[in-house]
Amino acid sequence: MADIEAMLTSSQRNVTGVVELELRPLCFQTVGVDSPNDLVKNKLGEYGETAKAWTSEDAKGFIKVSSTALRAYYLAHPGER
């Protein structure tokens, strides 16, 4: 139990800020979050918005490079699809 408590304490060390909830009978909904440690809204981009850290061409290059091993495997094993 002590290990689980330590893990939870460690994993939540950067959880700060204010959360606004709408409470209803039998349910709740998050209305807003304001935190200096918000990972959804940062300099690299925002949730639901365009990424600011890379372009679509960068993404295509990453996909091509990261899939090289898989493409080489299927070239060597054409019957396995």
N, C-alpha and C. Protein backbone atom coordinates (compact mmCIF):
# COMPACT_ATOMS: atom_id res chain seq x y z
N MET A 1 0.82 -1.18 0.00
CA MET A 1 0.00 0.00 0.00
C MET A 1 0.87 1.25 0.00
N ALA A 2 1.96 1.21 0.77
CA ALA A 2 2.85 2.37 0.82
C ALA A 2 3.45 2.67 -0.55
N ASP A 3 3.77 1.64 -1.31
CA ASP A 3 4.31 1.84 -2.66
C ASP A 3 3.28 2.48 -3.59
N ILE A 4 2.03 2.04 -3.47
CA ILE A 4 0.97 2.62 -4.30
C ILE A 4 0.75 4.08 -3.93
N GLU A 5 0.73 4.38 -2.65
CA GLU A 5 0.57 5.77 -2.21
C GLU A 5 1.73 6.64 -2.69
N ALA A 6 2.95 6.11 -2.64
CA ALA A 6 4.13 6.85 -3.12
C ALA A 6 4.03 7.11 -4.62
N MET A 7 3.56 6.10 -5.39
CA MET A 7 3.41 6.27 -6.83
C MET A 7 2.37 7.34 -7.14
N LEU A 8 1.24 7.31 -6.42
CA LEU A 8 0.21 8.32 -6.65
C LEU A 8 0.70 9.72 -6.29
N THR A 9 1.40 9.84 -5.19
CA THR A 9 1.96 11.13 -4.78
C THR A 9 2.93 11.64 -5.84
N SER A 10 3.80 10.77 -6.32
CA SER A 10 4.79 11.16 -7.33
C SER A 10 4.12 11.54 -8.65
N SER A 11 3.14 10.75 -9.09
CA SER A 11 2.51 11.01 -10.39
C SER A 11 1.65 12.27 -10.38
N GLN A 12 1.25 12.74 -9.22
CA GLN A 12 0.38 13.91 -9.13
C GLN A 12 1.12 15.17 -8.70
N ARG A 13 2.46 15.13 -8.67
CA ARG A 13 3.24 16.26 -8.15
C ARG A 13 3.05 17.56 -8.94
N ASN A 14 2.74 17.46 -10.22
CA ASN A 14 2.55 18.65 -11.04
C ASN A 14 1.08 19.01 -11.25
N VAL A 15 0.20 18.35 -10.55
CA VAL A 15 -1.23 18.65 -10.68
C VAL A 15 -1.54 19.86 -9.80
N THR A 16 -1.80 20.98 -10.47
CA THR A 16 -2.08 22.23 -9.77
C THR A 16 -3.17 22.98 -10.53
N GLY A 17 -3.69 24.00 -9.92
CA GLY A 17 -4.63 24.85 -10.63
C GLY A 17 -6.05 24.71 -10.13
N VAL A 18 -6.97 25.15 -10.97
CA VAL A 18 -8.39 25.19 -10.62
C VAL A 18 -9.19 24.45 -11.68
N VAL A 19 -10.12 23.63 -11.23
CA VAL A 19 -11.02 22.91 -12.14
C VAL A 19 -12.43 23.34 -11.81
N GLU A 20 -13.19 23.64 -12.84
CA GLU A 20 -14.59 24.03 -12.66
C GLU A 20 -15.46 22.87 -13.13
N LEU A 21 -16.33 22.39 -12.24
CA LEU A 21 -17.22 21.28 -12.56
C LEU A 21 -18.67 21.73 -12.51
N GLU A 22 -19.47 21.14 -13.36
CA GLU A 22 -20.92 21.34 -13.29
C GLU A 22 -21.50 20.07 -12.69
N LEU A 23 -22.11 20.19 -11.53
CA LEU A 23 -22.65 19.03 -10.83
C LEU A 23 -24.15 18.90 -11.10
N ARG A 24 -24.56 17.69 -11.43
CA ARG A 24 -25.96 17.38 -11.69
C ARG A 24 -26.28 16.10 -10.94
N PRO A 25 -27.53 15.80 -10.77
CA PRO A 25 -27.87 14.52 -10.14
C PRO A 25 -27.32 13.36 -10.98
N LEU A 26 -26.57 12.50 -10.37
CA LEU A 26 -26.02 11.29 -10.97
C LEU A 26 -24.91 11.52 -11.99
N CYS A 27 -24.44 12.75 -12.19
CA CYS A 27 -23.34 12.98 -13.14
C CYS A 27 -22.68 14.32 -12.89
N PHE A 28 -21.54 14.52 -13.54
CA PHE A 28 -20.86 15.81 -13.50
C PHE A 28 -20.17 16.03 -14.84
N GLN A 29 -19.80 17.27 -15.11
CA GLN A 29 -19.14 17.63 -16.36
C GLN A 29 -18.06 18.66 -16.07
N THR A 30 -16.90 18.50 -16.69
CA THR A 30 -15.83 19.49 -16.55
C THR A 30 -16.18 20.70 -17.41
N VAL A 31 -16.18 21.87 -16.80
CA VAL A 31 -16.51 23.11 -17.51
C VAL A 31 -15.23 23.83 -17.92
N GLY A 32 -14.21 23.77 -17.07
CA GLY A 32 -12.97 24.45 -17.40
C GLY A 32 -11.83 24.02 -16.52
N VAL A 33 -10.62 24.24 -17.01
CA VAL A 33 -9.40 23.94 -16.27
C VAL A 33 -8.44 25.09 -16.46
N ASP A 34 -7.84 25.55 -15.38
CA ASP A 34 -6.82 26.60 -15.45
C ASP A 34 -5.64 26.16 -14.61
N SER A 35 -4.54 25.83 -15.28
CA SER A 35 -3.36 25.34 -14.58
C SER A 35 -2.10 25.78 -15.32
N PRO A 36 -1.07 26.19 -14.59
CA PRO A 36 0.20 26.51 -15.25
C PRO A 36 0.87 25.26 -15.83
N ASN A 37 0.45 24.08 -15.41
CA ASN A 37 1.02 22.82 -15.89
C ASN A 37 0.13 22.11 -16.89
N ASP A 38 -0.80 22.82 -17.51
CA ASP A 38 -1.74 22.23 -18.46
C ASP A 38 -0.98 21.69 -19.67
N LEU A 39 -1.10 20.39 -19.93
CA LEU A 39 -0.41 19.77 -21.08
C LEU A 39 -1.23 19.83 -22.35
N VAL A 40 -2.51 20.15 -22.24
CA VAL A 40 -3.37 20.21 -23.42
C VAL A 40 -3.20 21.54 -24.15
N LYS A 41 -2.83 22.58 -23.44
CA LYS A 41 -2.64 23.90 -24.05
C LYS A 41 -1.22 24.37 -23.71
N ASN A 42 -0.33 24.31 -24.69
CA ASN A 42 1.05 24.72 -24.46
C ASN A 42 1.63 25.33 -25.73
N LYS A 43 2.91 25.62 -25.72
CA LYS A 43 3.56 26.30 -26.85
C LYS A 43 3.64 25.42 -28.10
N LEU A 44 3.51 24.08 -27.94
CA LEU A 44 3.61 23.19 -29.09
C LEU A 44 2.29 23.07 -29.85
N GLY A 45 1.22 23.46 -29.23
CA GLY A 45 -0.09 23.38 -29.87
C GLY A 45 -1.17 23.30 -28.82
N GLU A 46 -2.40 23.28 -29.28
CA GLU A 46 -3.54 23.17 -28.38
C GLU A 46 -4.42 22.03 -28.84
N TYR A 47 -5.11 21.41 -27.90
CA TYR A 47 -6.01 20.32 -28.23
C TYR A 47 -7.02 20.81 -29.25
N GLY A 48 -7.15 20.06 -30.34
CA GLY A 48 -8.11 20.41 -31.37
C GLY A 48 -7.60 21.45 -32.36
N GLU A 49 -6.37 21.91 -32.17
CA GLU A 49 -5.79 22.92 -33.07
C GLU A 49 -4.59 22.33 -33.80
N THR A 50 -4.04 23.08 -34.72
CA THR A 50 -2.88 22.65 -35.48
C THR A 50 -1.64 22.58 -34.60
N ALA A 51 -0.82 21.56 -34.81
CA ALA A 51 0.45 21.44 -34.09
C ALA A 51 1.37 22.57 -34.51
N LYS A 52 2.08 23.12 -33.56
CA LYS A 52 2.99 24.23 -33.84
C LYS A 52 4.45 23.78 -33.86
N ALA A 53 4.72 22.54 -33.43
CA ALA A 53 6.09 22.08 -33.33
C ALA A 53 6.59 21.39 -34.60
N TRP A 54 5.67 21.04 -35.53
CA TRP A 54 6.07 20.38 -36.76
C TRP A 54 5.06 20.67 -37.86
N THR A 55 5.49 20.41 -39.08
CA THR A 55 4.62 20.62 -40.24
C THR A 55 4.09 19.27 -40.72
N SER A 56 3.20 19.30 -41.67
CA SER A 56 2.68 18.04 -42.22
C SER A 56 3.79 17.29 -42.96
N GLU A 57 4.73 18.02 -43.55
CA GLU A 57 5.86 17.37 -44.22
C GLU A 57 6.76 16.67 -43.21
N ASP A 58 6.96 17.27 -42.04
CA ASP A 58 7.73 16.62 -40.97
C ASP A 58 7.05 15.32 -40.56
N ALA A 59 5.72 15.35 -40.42
CA ALA A 59 4.96 14.16 -40.02
C ALA A 59 5.11 13.06 -41.06
N LYS A 60 5.04 13.42 -42.35
CA LYS A 60 5.20 12.42 -43.41
C LYS A 60 6.59 11.79 -43.35
N GLY A 61 7.61 12.60 -43.10
CA GLY A 61 8.98 12.08 -42.98
C GLY A 61 9.12 11.15 -41.79
N PHE A 62 8.53 11.52 -40.67
CA PHE A 62 8.59 10.68 -39.48
C PHE A 62 7.92 9.33 -39.74
N ILE A 63 6.76 9.36 -40.37
CA ILE A 63 6.04 8.12 -40.68
C ILE A 63 6.88 7.24 -41.59
N LYS A 64 7.50 7.85 -42.59
CA LYS A 64 8.31 7.09 -43.54
C LYS A 64 9.52 6.45 -42.84
N VAL A 65 10.21 7.21 -42.03
CA VAL A 65 11.39 6.69 -41.33
C VAL A 65 11.00 5.63 -40.31
N SER A 66 9.96 5.90 -39.50
CA SER A 66 9.60 4.96 -38.45
C SER A 66 8.97 3.67 -38.98
N SER A 67 8.51 3.68 -40.22
CA SER A 67 7.91 2.47 -40.78
C SER A 67 8.90 1.67 -41.63
N THR A 68 10.14 2.10 -41.72
CA THR A 68 11.13 1.42 -42.57
C THR A 68 11.32 -0.04 -42.18
N ALA A 69 11.45 -0.32 -40.89
CA ALA A 69 11.67 -1.71 -40.47
C ALA A 69 10.48 -2.59 -40.84
N LEU A 70 9.28 -2.09 -40.66
CA LEU A 70 8.08 -2.86 -40.99
C LEU A 70 7.98 -3.08 -42.50
N ARG A 71 8.28 -2.06 -43.28
CA ARG A 71 8.24 -2.21 -44.74
C ARG A 71 9.29 -3.21 -45.21
N ALA A 72 10.49 -3.18 -44.59
CA ALA A 72 11.54 -4.14 -44.96
C ALA A 72 11.12 -5.56 -44.62
N TYR A 73 10.45 -5.74 -43.48
CA TYR A 73 9.98 -7.07 -43.09
C TYR A 73 9.00 -7.61 -44.12
N TYR A 74 8.02 -6.80 -44.51
CA TYR A 74 7.01 -7.27 -45.47
C TYR A 74 7.58 -7.46 -46.87
N LEU A 75 8.63 -6.74 -47.22
CA LEU A 75 9.30 -7.01 -48.50
C LEU A 75 9.96 -8.37 -48.47
N ALA A 76 10.51 -8.74 -47.32
CA ALA A 76 11.17 -10.05 -47.17
C ALA A 76 10.17 -11.19 -46.96
N HIS A 77 8.94 -10.86 -46.52
CA HIS A 77 7.91 -11.86 -46.25
C HIS A 77 6.60 -11.44 -46.93
N PRO A 78 6.56 -11.49 -48.27
CA PRO A 78 5.40 -10.96 -49.00
C PRO A 78 4.09 -11.68 -48.73
N GLY A 79 4.13 -12.93 -48.27
CA GLY A 79 2.90 -13.69 -48.02
C GLY A 79 2.22 -13.33 -46.69
N GLU A 80 2.88 -12.57 -45.85
CA GLU A 80 2.34 -12.22 -44.53
C GLU A 80 1.74 -10.83 -44.59
N ARG A 81 0.45 -10.73 -44.70
CA ARG A 81 -0.20 -9.42 -44.71
C ARG A 81 -1.30 -9.37 -43.71
